[in-house]
């Protein structure tokens, strides 16, 4: 019988980044049910930029809201945020980009309610018994503004376009109050005019570049 000496290396220097979002993190191709290939989606593009010293985990779910989705509670981000972080700990960065679905007319949420839901979501993480709670860095990304698509209308977002424009200042305030970093994605990217909601390929790659710059600078 052969004997084996197995040496387990405990000192793992790889830094884990969790990207927590909706269809734009999942990689939804505008106006379709298709998904952009690996390498185009911004989390995987981020992985390519950062290299082997990081592990970038994509936790995108189409239709995910921060809260208030009664019909599909599994799509309430606040319900899954803690199990998500616990399953990937120790986590160096948690990146949250949610809010686009929250401004849909059917949810009838004010922008103040959406911002409060974001704050509550972050507070759950901040107060949890996780391995590296003190060193965990959180980046809040305000999604790109919803725009009027080429078709001329989007029935789900009749009031959502205006609401999405108001989220930036509120998200920035929440980030300050929760000791989080903040990025307004709309400065560097914009929603595709095909459907007015989702990023195109260039938008994904540009977002990855900007996020990488933030991470490497901290």
Protein backbone atom coordinates (compact mmCIF):
# COMPACT_ATOMS: atom_id res chain seq x y z
CA UNK A 1 0.00 0.00 0.00
CA UNK A 2 1.33 3.41 -0.92
CA UNK A 3 1.49 6.11 1.71
CA UNK A 4 0.90 9.77 0.99
CA UNK A 5 2.05 12.83 2.89
CA UNK A 6 -0.41 15.60 2.22
CA UNK A 7 0.55 19.12 3.15
CA UNK A 8 -2.36 21.56 3.33
CA UNK A 9 -1.50 25.20 2.77
CA UNK A 10 -3.65 27.21 5.18
CA UNK A 11 -2.29 30.64 4.36
CA UNK A 12 -4.50 31.60 1.41
CA UNK A 13 -3.72 35.10 0.18
CA UNK A 14 -6.42 35.20 -2.49
CA UNK A 15 -8.86 38.04 -1.84
CA UNK A 16 -12.55 37.31 -2.40
CA UNK A 17 -14.88 39.87 -3.98
CA UNK A 18 -18.65 39.24 -4.02
CA UNK A 19 -20.65 41.14 -6.66
CA UNK A 20 -24.25 41.23 -5.44
CA UNK A 21 -26.78 42.49 -7.95
CA UNK A 22 -29.57 41.90 -10.42
CA UNK A 23 -29.71 41.19 -14.16
CA UNK A 24 -26.96 43.69 -14.92
CA UNK A 25 -24.63 41.71 -12.68
CA UNK A 26 -25.94 38.45 -14.13
CA UNK A 27 -25.14 39.79 -17.61
CA UNK A 28 -28.53 40.15 -19.29
CA UNK A 29 -28.27 41.12 -22.97
CA UNK A 30 -30.58 44.14 -23.54
CA UNK A 31 -34.13 43.29 -24.58
CA UNK A 32 -33.61 39.52 -24.44
CA UNK A 33 -33.36 36.53 -22.12
CA UNK A 34 -29.79 35.89 -23.27
CA UNK A 35 -26.68 36.22 -21.13
CA UNK A 36 -23.44 37.83 -22.18
CA UNK A 37 -20.55 35.33 -22.29
CA UNK A 38 -18.02 35.01 -19.53
CA UNK A 39 -15.44 37.74 -19.93
CA UNK A 40 -17.99 40.31 -21.04
CA UNK A 41 -20.12 40.38 -17.88
CA UNK A 42 -18.63 42.99 -15.59
CA UNK A 43 -17.81 40.61 -12.68
CA UNK A 44 -15.85 38.28 -14.96
CA UNK A 45 -14.26 41.24 -16.75
CA UNK A 46 -13.27 42.50 -13.30
CA UNK A 47 -11.66 39.13 -12.60
CA UNK A 48 -9.65 39.39 -15.81
CA UNK A 49 -8.38 42.85 -14.86
CA UNK A 50 -7.49 42.01 -11.26
CA UNK A 51 -5.86 38.69 -12.01
CA UNK A 52 -5.08 35.66 -9.92
CA UNK A 53 -4.66 37.49 -6.60
CA UNK A 54 -8.43 37.90 -6.46
CA UNK A 55 -11.49 35.65 -6.73
CA UNK A 56 -14.47 37.55 -8.11
CA UNK A 57 -17.79 35.85 -7.40
CA UNK A 58 -20.86 36.87 -9.40
CA UNK A 59 -24.07 36.81 -7.37
CA UNK A 60 -26.43 38.34 -9.92
CA UNK A 61 -30.10 37.36 -10.10
CA UNK A 62 -32.53 38.68 -12.71
CA UNK A 63 -35.38 40.61 -11.10
CA UNK A 64 -33.65 40.93 -7.73
CA UNK A 65 -34.78 43.88 -5.61
CA UNK A 66 -33.52 45.13 -2.29
CA UNK A 67 -36.85 44.32 -0.66
CA UNK A 68 -40.65 44.37 -1.14
CA UNK A 69 -40.99 41.68 -3.84
CA UNK A 70 -43.92 39.86 -2.27
CA UNK A 71 -44.66 37.69 -5.31
CA UNK A 72 -41.07 36.36 -5.46
CA UNK A 73 -39.53 36.67 -1.98
CA UNK A 74 -36.49 34.70 -3.14
CA UNK A 75 -35.64 37.76 -5.25
CA UNK A 76 -35.51 40.07 -2.23
CA UNK A 77 -31.83 40.81 -1.86
CA UNK A 78 -32.18 41.46 1.85
CA UNK A 79 -33.19 37.80 2.39
CA UNK A 80 -30.09 36.30 0.81
CA UNK A 81 -27.37 38.82 1.60
CA UNK A 82 -26.25 37.20 4.85
CA UNK A 83 -26.21 33.56 3.61
CA UNK A 84 -24.35 34.81 0.56
CA UNK A 85 -21.62 36.49 2.58
CA UNK A 86 -21.34 33.59 5.02
CA UNK A 87 -20.92 31.09 2.19
CA UNK A 88 -18.03 33.03 0.70
CA UNK A 89 -16.21 34.22 3.81
CA UNK A 90 -13.68 35.54 4.38
CA UNK A 91 -14.70 38.25 1.94
CA UNK A 92 -12.50 41.23 1.20
CA UNK A 93 -15.10 43.24 -0.74
CA UNK A 94 -18.88 43.17 -1.01
CA UNK A 95 -20.13 45.12 -4.03
CA UNK A 96 -23.85 45.90 -4.07
CA UNK A 97 -25.52 47.16 -7.25
CA UNK A 98 -29.28 47.00 -6.78
CA UNK A 99 -32.18 49.39 -7.23
CA UNK A 100 -33.14 49.18 -10.90
CA UNK A 101 -35.95 46.70 -10.30
CA UNK A 102 -37.03 48.55 -7.15
CA UNK A 103 -38.17 51.57 -9.17
CA UNK A 104 -40.60 49.51 -11.24
CA UNK A 105 -44.08 51.01 -11.06
CA UNK A 106 -45.61 47.83 -9.64
CA UNK A 107 -43.69 48.13 -6.36
CA UNK A 108 -44.88 51.70 -5.70
CA UNK A 109 -41.77 52.49 -3.66
CA UNK A 110 -40.52 55.98 -3.00
CA UNK A 111 -36.83 56.67 -3.50
CA UNK A 112 -36.51 57.23 0.25
CA UNK A 113 -37.91 53.73 0.88
CA UNK A 114 -35.46 52.23 -1.60
CA UNK A 115 -32.54 54.00 0.07
CA UNK A 116 -33.73 52.81 3.48
CA UNK A 117 -33.89 49.23 2.18
CA UNK A 118 -30.31 49.57 0.98
CA UNK A 119 -29.24 50.85 4.38
CA UNK A 120 -31.03 47.97 6.11
CA UNK A 121 -29.34 45.46 3.80
CA UNK A 122 -25.88 46.84 4.58
CA UNK A 123 -26.69 46.99 8.30
CA UNK A 124 -27.42 43.26 8.29
CA UNK A 125 -23.93 42.61 6.98
CA UNK A 126 -22.29 45.13 9.31
CA UNK A 127 -23.95 43.56 12.33
CA UNK A 128 -23.39 39.91 11.45
CA UNK A 129 -20.97 37.53 13.11
CA UNK A 130 -18.75 37.02 10.09
CA UNK A 131 -15.08 36.15 10.04
CA UNK A 132 -13.69 39.53 9.00
CA UNK A 133 -16.47 41.95 9.88
CA UNK A 134 -14.07 44.75 10.83
CA UNK A 135 -12.03 44.61 7.64
CA UNK A 136 -14.83 43.89 5.14
CA UNK A 137 -15.09 46.69 2.59
CA UNK A 138 -18.45 47.45 1.01
CA UNK A 139 -18.86 49.28 -2.29
CA UNK A 140 -22.32 50.68 -3.08
CA UNK A 141 -22.86 51.17 -6.81
CA UNK A 142 -25.77 53.31 -7.90
CA UNK A 143 -26.96 51.70 -11.15
CA UNK A 144 -26.95 53.70 -14.39
CA UNK A 145 -30.08 55.78 -14.89
CA UNK A 146 -32.97 54.19 -16.72
CA UNK A 147 -33.49 55.90 -20.07
CA UNK A 148 -36.23 55.99 -22.69
CA UNK A 149 -35.49 53.14 -25.13
CA UNK A 150 -35.51 53.45 -28.91
CA UNK A 151 -38.96 51.88 -28.94
CA UNK A 152 -40.17 55.01 -27.14
CA UNK A 153 -41.55 53.48 -23.94
CA UNK A 154 -41.03 50.92 -21.21
CA UNK A 155 -44.30 49.97 -19.55
CA UNK A 156 -42.63 48.78 -16.34
CA UNK A 157 -40.83 52.06 -15.69
CA UNK A 158 -43.25 54.89 -16.46
CA UNK A 159 -42.35 56.52 -13.15
CA UNK A 160 -39.10 54.62 -12.71
CA UNK A 161 -37.05 56.81 -15.03
CA UNK A 162 -37.47 59.84 -12.78
CA UNK A 163 -36.96 57.76 -9.63
CA UNK A 164 -33.73 56.25 -10.93
CA UNK A 165 -32.36 59.77 -11.41
CA UNK A 166 -33.01 60.53 -7.73
CA UNK A 167 -31.20 57.50 -6.34
CA UNK A 168 -27.67 58.83 -6.76
CA UNK A 169 -27.67 61.37 -3.95
CA UNK A 170 -29.60 59.03 -1.64
CA UNK A 171 -27.25 56.10 -2.26
CA UNK A 172 -24.25 58.33 -1.66
CA UNK A 173 -25.75 59.36 1.67
CA UNK A 174 -26.38 55.73 2.65
CA UNK A 175 -22.79 54.84 1.76
CA UNK A 176 -21.52 57.62 4.02
CA UNK A 177 -23.81 56.57 6.88
CA UNK A 178 -22.74 52.90 6.66
CA UNK A 179 -19.01 53.51 6.22
CA UNK A 180 -19.13 52.17 2.66
CA UNK A 181 -17.48 53.26 -0.57
CA UNK A 182 -19.67 54.75 -3.30
CA UNK A 183 -19.68 54.71 -7.09
CA UNK A 184 -22.15 56.40 -9.42
CA UNK A 185 -22.04 54.03 -12.38
CA UNK A 186 -23.91 56.56 -14.49
CA UNK A 187 -20.81 58.76 -14.68
CA UNK A 188 -18.94 56.07 -16.61
CA UNK A 189 -21.67 53.96 -18.22
CA UNK A 190 -25.24 54.27 -19.40
CA UNK A 191 -28.14 51.93 -19.97
CA UNK A 192 -28.52 50.64 -23.50
CA UNK A 193 -31.06 52.52 -25.61
CA UNK A 194 -32.26 49.14 -26.85
CA UNK A 195 -34.29 48.60 -23.67
CA UNK A 196 -33.27 51.55 -21.49
CA UNK A 197 -32.28 49.33 -18.55
CA UNK A 198 -29.43 46.94 -19.26
CA UNK A 199 -25.76 47.57 -19.95
CA UNK A 200 -24.30 46.78 -23.35
CA UNK A 201 -20.92 45.09 -23.81
CA UNK A 202 -18.96 48.33 -23.60
CA UNK A 203 -20.88 49.29 -20.45
CA UNK A 204 -19.93 46.04 -18.73
CA UNK A 205 -16.26 46.43 -19.59
CA UNK A 206 -16.14 50.08 -18.55
CA UNK A 207 -17.84 49.34 -15.22
CA UNK A 208 -15.32 46.56 -14.56
CA UNK A 209 -12.45 48.95 -15.26
CA UNK A 210 -13.74 51.61 -12.88
CA UNK A 211 -14.47 49.10 -10.09
CA UNK A 212 -11.00 47.59 -10.50
CA UNK A 213 -9.43 51.03 -10.07
CA UNK A 214 -11.33 51.51 -6.80
CA UNK A 215 -10.30 48.12 -5.44
CA UNK A 216 -6.65 48.48 -6.37
CA UNK A 217 -6.49 51.93 -4.80
CA UNK A 218 -7.73 50.76 -1.36
